[in-house]
Amino acid sequence: MASNGHLLAVLLNPPSASSGARSRGAVRRAAGVLGFDGYEVANLFADPTPTVVELNLLSAHEMSWPELQQRLSEQLRAAHGVLAAWGVAGASGNFRRARGERAAWLIEEAERRGHRHFWTVGGEPRHPSRWHQYVADKHGRATGGTFEERLVQVLTLQPLGSVEA
């Protein structure tokens, strides 16, 4: 596992219907079990929405992208590890294309900044709000113990090129 430094977790967008405490808490736990001293959360989109579905309805994502790219580039430079956590479902149409383009840019920029791998949950960029479901007994992906003990069983280090954009 990693030692010291901080983990950059890249999620999809800020929540508008909650505080985001559950997602930040899951990221904090992941950073801890991976051995990082701290963590930071970033987003591929700046538009706050209650769920991913509303992002499919927005038409003007591009205005904030240059600013997000600059910030993400700086965050990648400072990070000692990166957690891909923008989610695997709910995107369609133009938003799905935009999410793919932004994730592809992130992967290229991470490599340019010296990263060779992303941490994922189960090999995919699952969103932290879904990790409890993913490690639940009924799915058989992790066994026994606390959330942290289960999470460490499914956190995987993936080469950048193998992470879904």
N, C-alpha and C. Protein backbone atom coordinates (compact mmCIF):
# COMPACT_ATOMS: atom_id res chain seq x y z
N MET A 1 0.84 -1.18 0.00
CA MET A 1 0.00 0.00 0.00
C MET A 1 0.89 1.25 0.00
N ALA A 2 0.29 2.38 -0.26
CA ALA A 2 1.01 3.64 -0.33
C ALA A 2 1.51 4.06 1.05
N SER A 3 2.48 4.94 1.09
CA SER A 3 2.93 5.47 2.36
C SER A 3 3.04 6.98 2.28
N ASN A 4 2.42 7.63 3.25
CA ASN A 4 2.48 9.09 3.36
C ASN A 4 1.92 9.81 2.14
N GLY A 5 2.05 11.10 2.14
CA GLY A 5 1.51 11.88 1.04
C GLY A 5 -0.01 11.94 1.08
N HIS A 6 -0.58 12.50 0.03
CA HIS A 6 -2.04 12.59 0.01
C HIS A 6 -2.61 11.99 -1.27
N LEU A 7 -3.85 11.57 -1.14
CA LEU A 7 -4.60 10.93 -2.20
C LEU A 7 -5.53 11.96 -2.82
N LEU A 8 -5.54 12.04 -4.14
CA LEU A 8 -6.50 12.87 -4.86
C LEU A 8 -7.60 11.96 -5.37
N ALA A 9 -8.81 12.18 -4.90
CA ALA A 9 -9.97 11.41 -5.36
C ALA A 9 -10.73 12.26 -6.38
N VAL A 10 -10.89 11.74 -7.58
CA VAL A 10 -11.59 12.47 -8.63
C VAL A 10 -12.99 11.88 -8.78
N LEU A 11 -13.98 12.67 -8.37
CA LEU A 11 -15.38 12.29 -8.45
C LEU A 11 -16.01 12.97 -9.67
N LEU A 12 -17.31 12.88 -9.78
CA LEU A 12 -17.99 13.41 -10.97
C LEU A 12 -18.34 14.88 -10.83
N ASN A 13 -19.12 15.23 -9.81
CA ASN A 13 -19.57 16.61 -9.62
C ASN A 13 -20.03 16.80 -8.18
N PRO A 14 -20.12 18.05 -7.74
CA PRO A 14 -20.58 18.30 -6.38
C PRO A 14 -22.06 17.97 -6.23
N PRO A 15 -22.46 17.52 -5.05
CA PRO A 15 -23.88 17.25 -4.82
C PRO A 15 -24.64 18.54 -4.54
N SER A 16 -25.92 18.56 -4.88
CA SER A 16 -26.75 19.72 -4.52
C SER A 16 -27.82 19.35 -3.50
N ALA A 17 -28.09 18.06 -3.37
CA ALA A 17 -29.17 17.62 -2.48
C ALA A 17 -28.65 17.10 -1.14
N SER A 18 -27.34 17.05 -0.96
CA SER A 18 -26.77 16.58 0.30
C SER A 18 -25.46 17.33 0.52
N SER A 19 -24.86 17.08 1.66
CA SER A 19 -23.59 17.73 1.98
C SER A 19 -22.41 17.03 1.32
N GLY A 20 -22.62 15.80 0.84
CA GLY A 20 -21.52 15.02 0.29
C GLY A 20 -20.69 14.33 1.36
N ALA A 21 -21.16 14.38 2.60
CA ALA A 21 -20.39 13.82 3.72
C ALA A 21 -20.16 12.32 3.56
N ARG A 22 -21.14 11.59 3.05
CA ARG A 22 -20.97 10.13 2.89
C ARG A 22 -19.84 9.83 1.90
N SER A 23 -19.83 10.53 0.77
CA SER A 23 -18.77 10.30 -0.22
C SER A 23 -17.41 10.71 0.33
N ARG A 24 -17.34 11.88 0.96
CA ARG A 24 -16.06 12.32 1.54
C ARG A 24 -15.60 11.36 2.63
N GLY A 25 -16.53 10.85 3.41
CA GLY A 25 -16.18 9.89 4.46
C GLY A 25 -15.62 8.60 3.88
N ALA A 26 -16.22 8.13 2.80
CA ALA A 26 -15.72 6.91 2.15
C ALA A 26 -14.32 7.15 1.58
N VAL A 27 -14.10 8.31 0.98
CA VAL A 27 -12.78 8.64 0.44
C VAL A 27 -11.77 8.73 1.59
N ARG A 28 -12.15 9.35 2.69
CA ARG A 28 -11.26 9.45 3.86
C ARG A 28 -10.87 8.05 4.33
N ARG A 29 -11.82 7.15 4.39
CA ARG A 29 -11.52 5.77 4.81
C ARG A 29 -10.60 5.07 3.81
N ALA A 30 -10.84 5.28 2.53
CA ALA A 30 -9.97 4.68 1.51
C ALA A 30 -8.55 5.21 1.65
N ALA A 31 -8.41 6.52 1.82
CA ALA A 31 -7.08 7.10 1.99
C ALA A 31 -6.38 6.48 3.20
N GLY A 32 -7.12 6.28 4.27
CA GLY A 32 -6.55 5.70 5.48
C GLY A 32 -6.08 4.26 5.29
N VAL A 33 -6.92 3.43 4.69
CA VAL A 33 -6.52 2.02 4.52
C VAL A 33 -5.41 1.87 3.50
N LEU A 34 -5.27 2.85 2.60
CA LEU A 34 -4.19 2.80 1.62
C LEU A 34 -2.88 3.39 2.16
N GLY A 35 -2.94 3.97 3.35
CA GLY A 35 -1.74 4.49 3.98
C GLY A 35 -1.42 5.94 3.67
N PHE A 36 -2.35 6.67 3.09
CA PHE A 36 -2.12 8.08 2.81
C PHE A 36 -2.37 8.90 4.07
N ASP A 37 -1.64 10.00 4.20
CA ASP A 37 -1.80 10.88 5.36
C ASP A 37 -3.05 11.74 5.25
N GLY A 38 -3.51 11.99 4.06
CA GLY A 38 -4.67 12.83 3.86
C GLY A 38 -5.24 12.62 2.47
N TYR A 39 -6.27 13.39 2.17
CA TYR A 39 -6.93 13.25 0.87
C TYR A 39 -7.50 14.60 0.44
N GLU A 40 -7.80 14.69 -0.83
CA GLU A 40 -8.44 15.85 -1.42
C GLU A 40 -9.44 15.33 -2.44
N VAL A 41 -10.57 15.99 -2.56
CA VAL A 41 -11.60 15.59 -3.53
C VAL A 41 -11.66 16.64 -4.64
N ALA A 42 -11.69 16.16 -5.87
CA ALA A 42 -11.85 17.01 -7.05
C ALA A 42 -13.00 16.44 -7.87
N ASN A 43 -13.48 17.22 -8.83
CA ASN A 43 -14.60 16.79 -9.67
C ASN A 43 -14.31 17.04 -11.14
N LEU A 44 -14.86 16.19 -12.00
CA LEU A 44 -14.76 16.40 -13.44
C LEU A 44 -15.72 17.47 -13.95
N PHE A 45 -16.79 17.72 -13.21
CA PHE A 45 -17.78 18.73 -13.55
C PHE A 45 -18.04 19.61 -12.34
N ALA A 46 -18.27 20.89 -12.57
CA ALA A 46 -18.51 21.83 -11.48
C ALA A 46 -19.99 22.00 -11.16
N ASP A 47 -20.87 21.48 -12.02
CA ASP A 47 -22.31 21.67 -11.87
C ASP A 47 -22.87 20.82 -10.72
N PRO A 48 -23.34 21.42 -9.62
CA PRO A 48 -23.96 20.64 -8.55
C PRO A 48 -25.32 20.10 -9.00
N THR A 49 -25.55 18.82 -8.77
CA THR A 49 -26.84 18.21 -9.09
C THR A 49 -27.20 17.21 -8.00
N PRO A 50 -28.51 16.91 -7.86
CA PRO A 50 -28.92 15.92 -6.86
C PRO A 50 -28.45 14.50 -7.20
N THR A 51 -28.45 14.16 -8.51
CA THR A 51 -28.00 12.85 -8.97
C THR A 51 -27.32 13.03 -10.32
N VAL A 52 -26.69 11.98 -10.81
CA VAL A 52 -26.02 12.03 -12.12
C VAL A 52 -27.02 12.27 -13.25
N VAL A 53 -28.25 11.85 -13.07
CA VAL A 53 -29.27 11.97 -14.11
C VAL A 53 -29.43 13.42 -14.57
N GLU A 54 -29.39 14.36 -13.64
CA GLU A 54 -29.58 15.77 -14.00
C GLU A 54 -28.44 16.30 -14.89
N LEU A 55 -27.25 15.71 -14.77
CA LEU A 55 -26.15 16.14 -15.64
C LEU A 55 -26.45 15.84 -17.10
N ASN A 56 -27.25 14.81 -17.35
CA ASN A 56 -27.65 14.50 -18.73
C ASN A 56 -28.50 15.62 -19.33
N LEU A 57 -29.15 16.40 -18.50
CA LEU A 57 -30.06 17.45 -18.97
C LEU A 57 -29.39 18.80 -19.15
N LEU A 58 -28.21 18.98 -18.57
CA LEU A 58 -27.52 20.27 -18.68
C LEU A 58 -26.85 20.39 -20.04
N SER A 59 -26.89 21.58 -20.60
CA SER A 59 -26.32 21.74 -21.93
C SER A 59 -25.01 22.52 -21.94
N ALA A 60 -24.66 23.20 -20.87
CA ALA A 60 -23.48 24.08 -20.89
C ALA A 60 -22.44 23.67 -19.85
N HIS A 61 -21.84 22.50 -20.05
CA HIS A 61 -20.79 22.05 -19.13
C HIS A 61 -19.45 22.71 -19.44
N GLU A 62 -19.27 23.19 -20.64
CA GLU A 62 -17.95 23.60 -21.11
C GLU A 62 -17.41 24.86 -20.45
N MET A 63 -18.26 25.74 -19.94
CA MET A 63 -17.79 27.01 -19.41
C MET A 63 -16.80 26.82 -18.26
N SER A 64 -17.00 25.85 -17.43
CA SER A 64 -16.13 25.67 -16.27
C SER A 64 -14.96 24.73 -16.55
N TRP A 65 -14.92 24.07 -17.67
CA TRP A 65 -13.90 23.06 -17.94
C TRP A 65 -12.48 23.62 -17.94
N PRO A 66 -12.17 24.73 -18.58
CA PRO A 66 -10.78 25.22 -18.54
C PRO A 66 -10.29 25.48 -17.11
N GLU A 67 -11.15 26.04 -16.27
CA GLU A 67 -10.76 26.29 -14.88
C GLU A 67 -10.56 24.97 -14.13
N LEU A 68 -11.44 24.01 -14.37
CA LEU A 68 -11.29 22.70 -13.73
C LEU A 68 -10.02 22.01 -14.19
N GLN A 69 -9.71 22.10 -15.48
CA GLN A 69 -8.48 21.48 -16.00
C GLN A 69 -7.25 22.05 -15.30
N GLN A 70 -7.20 23.35 -15.15
CA GLN A 70 -6.05 23.97 -14.50
C GLN A 70 -5.93 23.49 -13.06
N ARG A 71 -7.04 23.47 -12.35
CA ARG A 71 -7.00 23.03 -10.95
C ARG A 71 -6.63 21.55 -10.85
N LEU A 72 -7.24 20.71 -11.69
CA LEU A 72 -6.92 19.28 -11.67
C LEU A 72 -5.45 19.04 -11.98
N SER A 73 -4.91 19.78 -12.92
CA SER A 73 -3.49 19.64 -13.25
C SER A 73 -2.62 19.94 -12.04
N GLU A 74 -2.94 21.01 -11.33
CA GLU A 74 -2.19 21.36 -10.11
C GLU A 74 -2.37 20.30 -9.03
N GLN A 75 -3.58 19.80 -8.87
CA GLN A 75 -3.84 18.77 -7.86
C GLN A 75 -3.11 17.47 -8.20
N LEU A 76 -3.07 17.11 -9.47
CA LEU A 76 -2.34 15.91 -9.89
C LEU A 76 -0.85 16.05 -9.62
N ARG A 77 -0.31 17.23 -9.83
CA ARG A 77 1.11 17.47 -9.58
C ARG A 77 1.44 17.26 -8.11
N ALA A 78 0.55 17.66 -7.21
CA ALA A 78 0.81 17.58 -5.78
C ALA A 78 0.45 16.21 -5.17
N ALA A 79 -0.38 15.44 -5.84
CA ALA A 79 -0.88 14.18 -5.28
C ALA A 79 0.18 13.08 -5.31
N HIS A 80 0.12 12.23 -4.30
CA HIS A 80 0.99 11.05 -4.24
C HIS A 80 0.27 9.80 -4.75
N GLY A 81 -1.01 9.90 -4.94
CA GLY A 81 -1.83 8.83 -5.50
C GLY A 81 -3.14 9.40 -5.97
N VAL A 82 -3.80 8.71 -6.91
CA VAL A 82 -5.06 9.20 -7.47
C VAL A 82 -6.08 8.07 -7.42
N LEU A 83 -7.27 8.41 -6.95
CA LEU A 83 -8.40 7.49 -6.90
C LEU A 83 -9.41 7.91 -7.95
N ALA A 84 -9.66 7.05 -8.93
CA ALA A 84 -10.68 7.30 -9.96
C ALA A 84 -12.03 6.91 -9.37
N ALA A 85 -12.94 7.89 -9.25
CA ALA A 85 -14.21 7.62 -8.57
C ALA A 85 -15.36 8.45 -9.14
N TRP A 86 -15.38 8.61 -10.46
CA TRP A 86 -16.41 9.44 -11.08
C TRP A 86 -17.68 8.68 -11.40
N GLY A 87 -17.73 7.40 -11.15
CA GLY A 87 -18.95 6.64 -11.36
C GLY A 87 -18.95 5.86 -12.66
N VAL A 88 -19.79 4.86 -12.70
CA VAL A 88 -19.83 3.96 -13.86
C VAL A 88 -21.20 3.90 -14.53
N ALA A 89 -22.18 4.64 -14.01
CA ALA A 89 -23.53 4.54 -14.56
C ALA A 89 -24.19 5.90 -14.64
N GLY A 90 -25.33 5.95 -15.32
CA GLY A 90 -26.17 7.12 -15.32
C GLY A 90 -25.93 8.14 -16.40
N ALA A 91 -24.87 7.99 -17.18
CA ALA A 91 -24.56 8.99 -18.21
C ALA A 91 -25.11 8.56 -19.56
N SER A 92 -25.62 9.54 -20.31
CA SER A 92 -26.10 9.26 -21.66
C SER A 92 -25.85 10.48 -22.54
N GLY A 93 -25.97 10.27 -23.83
CA GLY A 93 -25.90 11.36 -24.81
C GLY A 93 -24.64 12.21 -24.72
N ASN A 94 -24.85 13.52 -24.86
CA ASN A 94 -23.73 14.47 -24.85
C ASN A 94 -22.97 14.44 -23.54
N PHE A 95 -23.69 14.25 -22.44
CA PHE A 95 -23.01 14.20 -21.15
C PHE A 95 -22.08 12.99 -21.08
N ARG A 96 -22.51 11.85 -21.57
CA ARG A 96 -21.66 10.66 -21.56
C ARG A 96 -20.38 10.91 -22.37
N ARG A 97 -20.54 11.56 -23.52
CA ARG A 97 -19.38 11.89 -24.35
C ARG A 97 -18.46 12.84 -23.58
N ALA A 98 -19.04 13.88 -22.96
CA ALA A 98 -18.23 14.86 -22.23
C ALA A 98 -17.51 14.20 -21.05
N ARG A 99 -18.20 13.31 -20.33
CA ARG A 99 -17.56 12.60 -19.22
C ARG A 99 -16.38 11.78 -19.72
N GLY A 100 -16.56 11.09 -20.83
CA GLY A 100 -15.48 10.29 -21.41
C GLY A 100 -14.30 11.14 -21.83
N GLU A 101 -14.58 12.28 -22.44
CA GLU A 101 -13.50 13.18 -22.88
C GLU A 101 -12.74 13.73 -21.68
N ARG A 102 -13.45 14.11 -20.64
CA ARG A 102 -12.79 14.66 -19.46
C ARG A 102 -11.98 13.59 -18.72
N ALA A 103 -12.53 12.41 -18.62
CA ALA A 103 -11.78 11.33 -17.98
C ALA A 103 -10.53 10.98 -18.79
N ALA A 104 -10.66 10.97 -20.12
CA ALA A 104 -9.50 10.69 -20.98
C ALA A 104 -8.44 11.78 -20.79
N TRP A 105 -8.86 13.04 -20.71
CA TRP A 105 -7.90 14.12 -20.45
C TRP A 105 -7.22 13.91 -19.10
N LEU A 106 -8.01 13.56 -18.08
CA LEU A 106 -7.47 13.34 -16.74
C LEU A 106 -6.41 12.24 -16.77
N ILE A 107 -6.67 11.17 -17.47
CA ILE A 107 -5.73 10.05 -17.57
C ILE A 107 -4.44 10.53 -18.23
N GLU A 108 -4.56 11.27 -19.33
CA GLU A 108 -3.36 11.79 -20.02
C GLU A 108 -2.59 12.76 -19.14
N GLU A 109 -3.30 13.64 -18.44
CA GLU A 109 -2.65 14.62 -17.58
C GLU A 109 -1.99 13.94 -16.38
N ALA A 110 -2.64 12.92 -15.84
CA ALA A 110 -2.04 12.18 -14.73
C ALA A 110 -0.72 11.56 -15.16
N GLU A 111 -0.71 10.99 -16.34
CA GLU A 111 0.53 10.40 -16.85
C GLU A 111 1.59 11.48 -17.05
N ARG A 112 1.20 12.61 -17.60
CA ARG A 112 2.13 13.72 -17.80
C ARG A 112 2.71 14.20 -16.46
N ARG A 113 1.93 14.09 -15.40
CA ARG A 113 2.35 14.51 -14.07
C ARG A 113 3.08 13.41 -13.30
N GLY A 114 3.36 12.30 -13.98
CA GLY A 114 4.17 11.25 -13.37
C GLY A 114 3.42 10.09 -12.75
N HIS A 115 2.12 10.10 -12.82
CA HIS A 115 1.34 8.98 -12.27
C HIS A 115 1.29 7.86 -13.31
N ARG A 116 1.30 6.64 -12.84
CA ARG A 116 1.24 5.49 -13.73
C ARG A 116 0.00 4.62 -13.46
N HIS A 117 -0.64 4.85 -12.32
CA HIS A 117 -1.78 4.04 -11.91
C HIS A 117 -2.84 4.92 -11.25
N PHE A 118 -4.05 4.42 -11.26
CA PHE A 118 -5.15 4.99 -10.48
C PHE A 118 -5.63 3.91 -9.53
N TRP A 119 -5.99 4.30 -8.32
CA TRP A 119 -6.72 3.40 -7.44
C TRP A 119 -8.17 3.38 -7.91
N THR A 120 -8.80 2.22 -7.83
CA THR A 120 -10.22 2.08 -8.16
C THR A 120 -10.85 1.13 -7.14
N VAL A 121 -12.15 1.08 -7.16
CA VAL A 121 -12.87 0.07 -6.37
C VAL A 121 -13.39 -0.97 -7.36
N GLY A 122 -12.88 -2.18 -7.23
CA GLY A 122 -13.28 -3.27 -8.12
C GLY A 122 -12.82 -3.10 -9.55
N GLY A 123 -11.76 -2.32 -9.76
CA GLY A 123 -11.22 -2.15 -11.11
C GLY A 123 -11.91 -1.11 -11.96
N GLU A 124 -12.90 -0.41 -11.41
CA GLU A 124 -13.63 0.60 -12.16
C GLU A 124 -13.74 1.87 -11.33
N PRO A 125 -14.01 3.01 -11.97
CA PRO A 125 -14.09 4.28 -11.24
C PRO A 125 -15.42 4.45 -10.50
N ARG A 126 -15.74 3.51 -9.64
CA ARG A 126 -17.00 3.56 -8.89
C ARG A 126 -17.05 4.78 -7.99
N HIS A 127 -18.24 5.37 -7.89
CA HIS A 127 -18.44 6.54 -7.04
C HIS A 127 -18.50 6.10 -5.57
N PRO A 128 -17.89 6.86 -4.67
CA PRO A 128 -17.88 6.48 -3.25
C PRO A 128 -19.25 6.30 -2.62
N SER A 129 -20.26 6.97 -3.15
CA SER A 129 -21.61 6.81 -2.60
C SER A 129 -22.16 5.42 -2.83
N ARG A 130 -21.52 4.64 -3.68
CA ARG A 130 -21.97 3.28 -4.00
C ARG A 130 -21.09 2.19 -3.39
N TRP A 131 -20.02 2.57 -2.71
CA TRP A 131 -19.09 1.56 -2.20
C TRP A 131 -19.71 0.64 -1.16
N HIS A 132 -20.58 1.17 -0.31
CA HIS A 132 -21.23 0.30 0.69
C HIS A 132 -22.01 -0.82 0.00
N GLN A 133 -22.73 -0.47 -1.06
CA GLN A 133 -23.46 -1.49 -1.81
C GLN A 133 -22.50 -2.49 -2.43
N TYR A 134 -21.42 -2.00 -3.00
CA TYR A 134 -20.48 -2.85 -3.71
C TYR A 134 -19.86 -3.91 -2.79
N VAL A 135 -19.59 -3.55 -1.54
CA VAL A 135 -18.94 -4.50 -0.62
C VAL A 135 -19.94 -5.25 0.26
N ALA A 136 -21.23 -5.08 0.02
CA ALA A 136 -22.26 -5.75 0.81
C ALA A 136 -22.16 -7.27 0.68
N ASP A 137 -22.54 -7.97 1.75
CA ASP A 137 -22.48 -9.44 1.78
C ASP A 137 -23.16 -10.09 0.59
N LYS A 138 -24.31 -9.56 0.17
CA LYS A 138 -25.10 -10.23 -0.86
C LYS A 138 -24.37 -10.35 -2.20
N HIS A 139 -23.34 -9.53 -2.42
CA HIS A 139 -22.61 -9.59 -3.69
C HIS A 139 -21.38 -10.49 -3.63
N GLY A 140 -20.90 -10.81 -2.44
CA GLY A 140 -19.77 -11.72 -2.29
C GLY A 140 -18.43 -11.17 -2.77
N ARG A 141 -18.30 -9.86 -2.87
CA ARG A 141 -17.03 -9.28 -3.35
C ARG A 141 -16.03 -9.07 -2.22
N ALA A 142 -16.53 -8.95 -1.00
CA ALA A 142 -15.69 -8.77 0.18
C ALA A 142 -16.35 -9.54 1.32
N THR A 143 -15.53 -9.96 2.26
CA THR A 143 -16.08 -10.76 3.35
C THR A 143 -15.74 -10.17 4.70
N GLY A 144 -16.71 -10.28 5.61
CA GLY A 144 -16.52 -9.98 7.03
C GLY A 144 -15.95 -8.62 7.36
N GLY A 145 -16.03 -8.31 8.63
CA GLY A 145 -15.36 -7.14 9.15
C GLY A 145 -16.05 -5.82 8.91
N THR A 146 -15.30 -4.77 9.18
CA THR A 146 -15.78 -3.40 9.06
C THR A 146 -15.80 -2.97 7.59
N PHE A 147 -16.38 -1.80 7.36
CA PHE A 147 -16.37 -1.24 6.02
C PHE A 147 -14.93 -1.10 5.52
N GLU A 148 -14.04 -0.62 6.38
CA GLU A 148 -12.65 -0.44 5.99
C GLU A 148 -12.00 -1.77 5.62
N GLU A 149 -12.28 -2.82 6.39
CA GLU A 149 -11.71 -4.14 6.10
C GLU A 149 -12.25 -4.68 4.77
N ARG A 150 -13.49 -4.40 4.49
CA ARG A 150 -14.07 -4.82 3.21
C ARG A 150 -13.52 -3.98 2.06
N LEU A 151 -13.41 -2.68 2.29
CA LEU A 151 -12.93 -1.78 1.25
C LEU A 151 -11.52 -2.14 0.81
N VAL A 152 -10.66 -2.46 1.74
CA VAL A 152 -9.28 -2.79 1.37
C VAL A 152 -9.23 -4.03 0.48
N GLN A 153 -10.25 -4.88 0.56
CA GLN A 153 -10.31 -6.08 -0.27
C GLN A 153 -10.65 -5.77 -1.73
N VAL A 154 -11.27 -4.62 -1.98
CA VAL A 154 -11.71 -4.30 -3.34
C VAL A 154 -10.99 -3.11 -3.96
N LEU A 155 -10.17 -2.41 -3.18
CA LEU A 155 -9.36 -1.33 -3.75
C LEU A 155 -8.26 -1.95 -4.59
N THR A 156 -8.18 -1.54 -5.85
CA THR A 156 -7.17 -2.11 -6.75
C THR A 156 -6.41 -0.99 -7.45
N LEU A 157 -5.16 -1.24 -7.69
CA LEU A 157 -4.31 -0.30 -8.41
C LEU A 157 -4.33 -0.71 -9.88
N GLN A 158 -4.83 0.18 -10.74
CA GLN A 158 -5.00 -0.12 -12.16
C GLN A 158 -4.06 0.75 -13.00
N PRO A 159 -3.42 0.19 -14.02
CA PRO A 159 -2.65 1.02 -14.94
C PRO A 159 -3.57 2.08 -15.56
N LEU A 160 -3.06 3.27 -15.79
CA LEU A 160 -3.88 4.36 -16.31
C LEU A 160 -4.68 3.98 -17.54
N GLY A 161 -4.08 3.29 -18.48
CA GLY A 161 -4.75 2.94 -19.72
C GLY A 161 -5.89 1.96 -19.56
N SER A 162 -5.99 1.31 -18.40
CA SER A 162 -7.05 0.32 -18.22
C SER A 162 -8.27 0.89 -17.50
N VAL A 163 -8.21 2.15 -17.08
CA VAL A 163 -9.33 2.76 -16.38
C VAL A 163 -10.31 3.33 -17.39
N GLU A 164 -11.58 3.01 -17.19
CA GLU A 164 -12.65 3.44 -18.11
C GLU A 164 -12.75 4.96 -18.13
N ALA A 165 -12.68 5.51 -19.31
CA ALA A 165 -12.76 6.97 -19.46
C ALA A 165 -14.21 7.41 -19.55
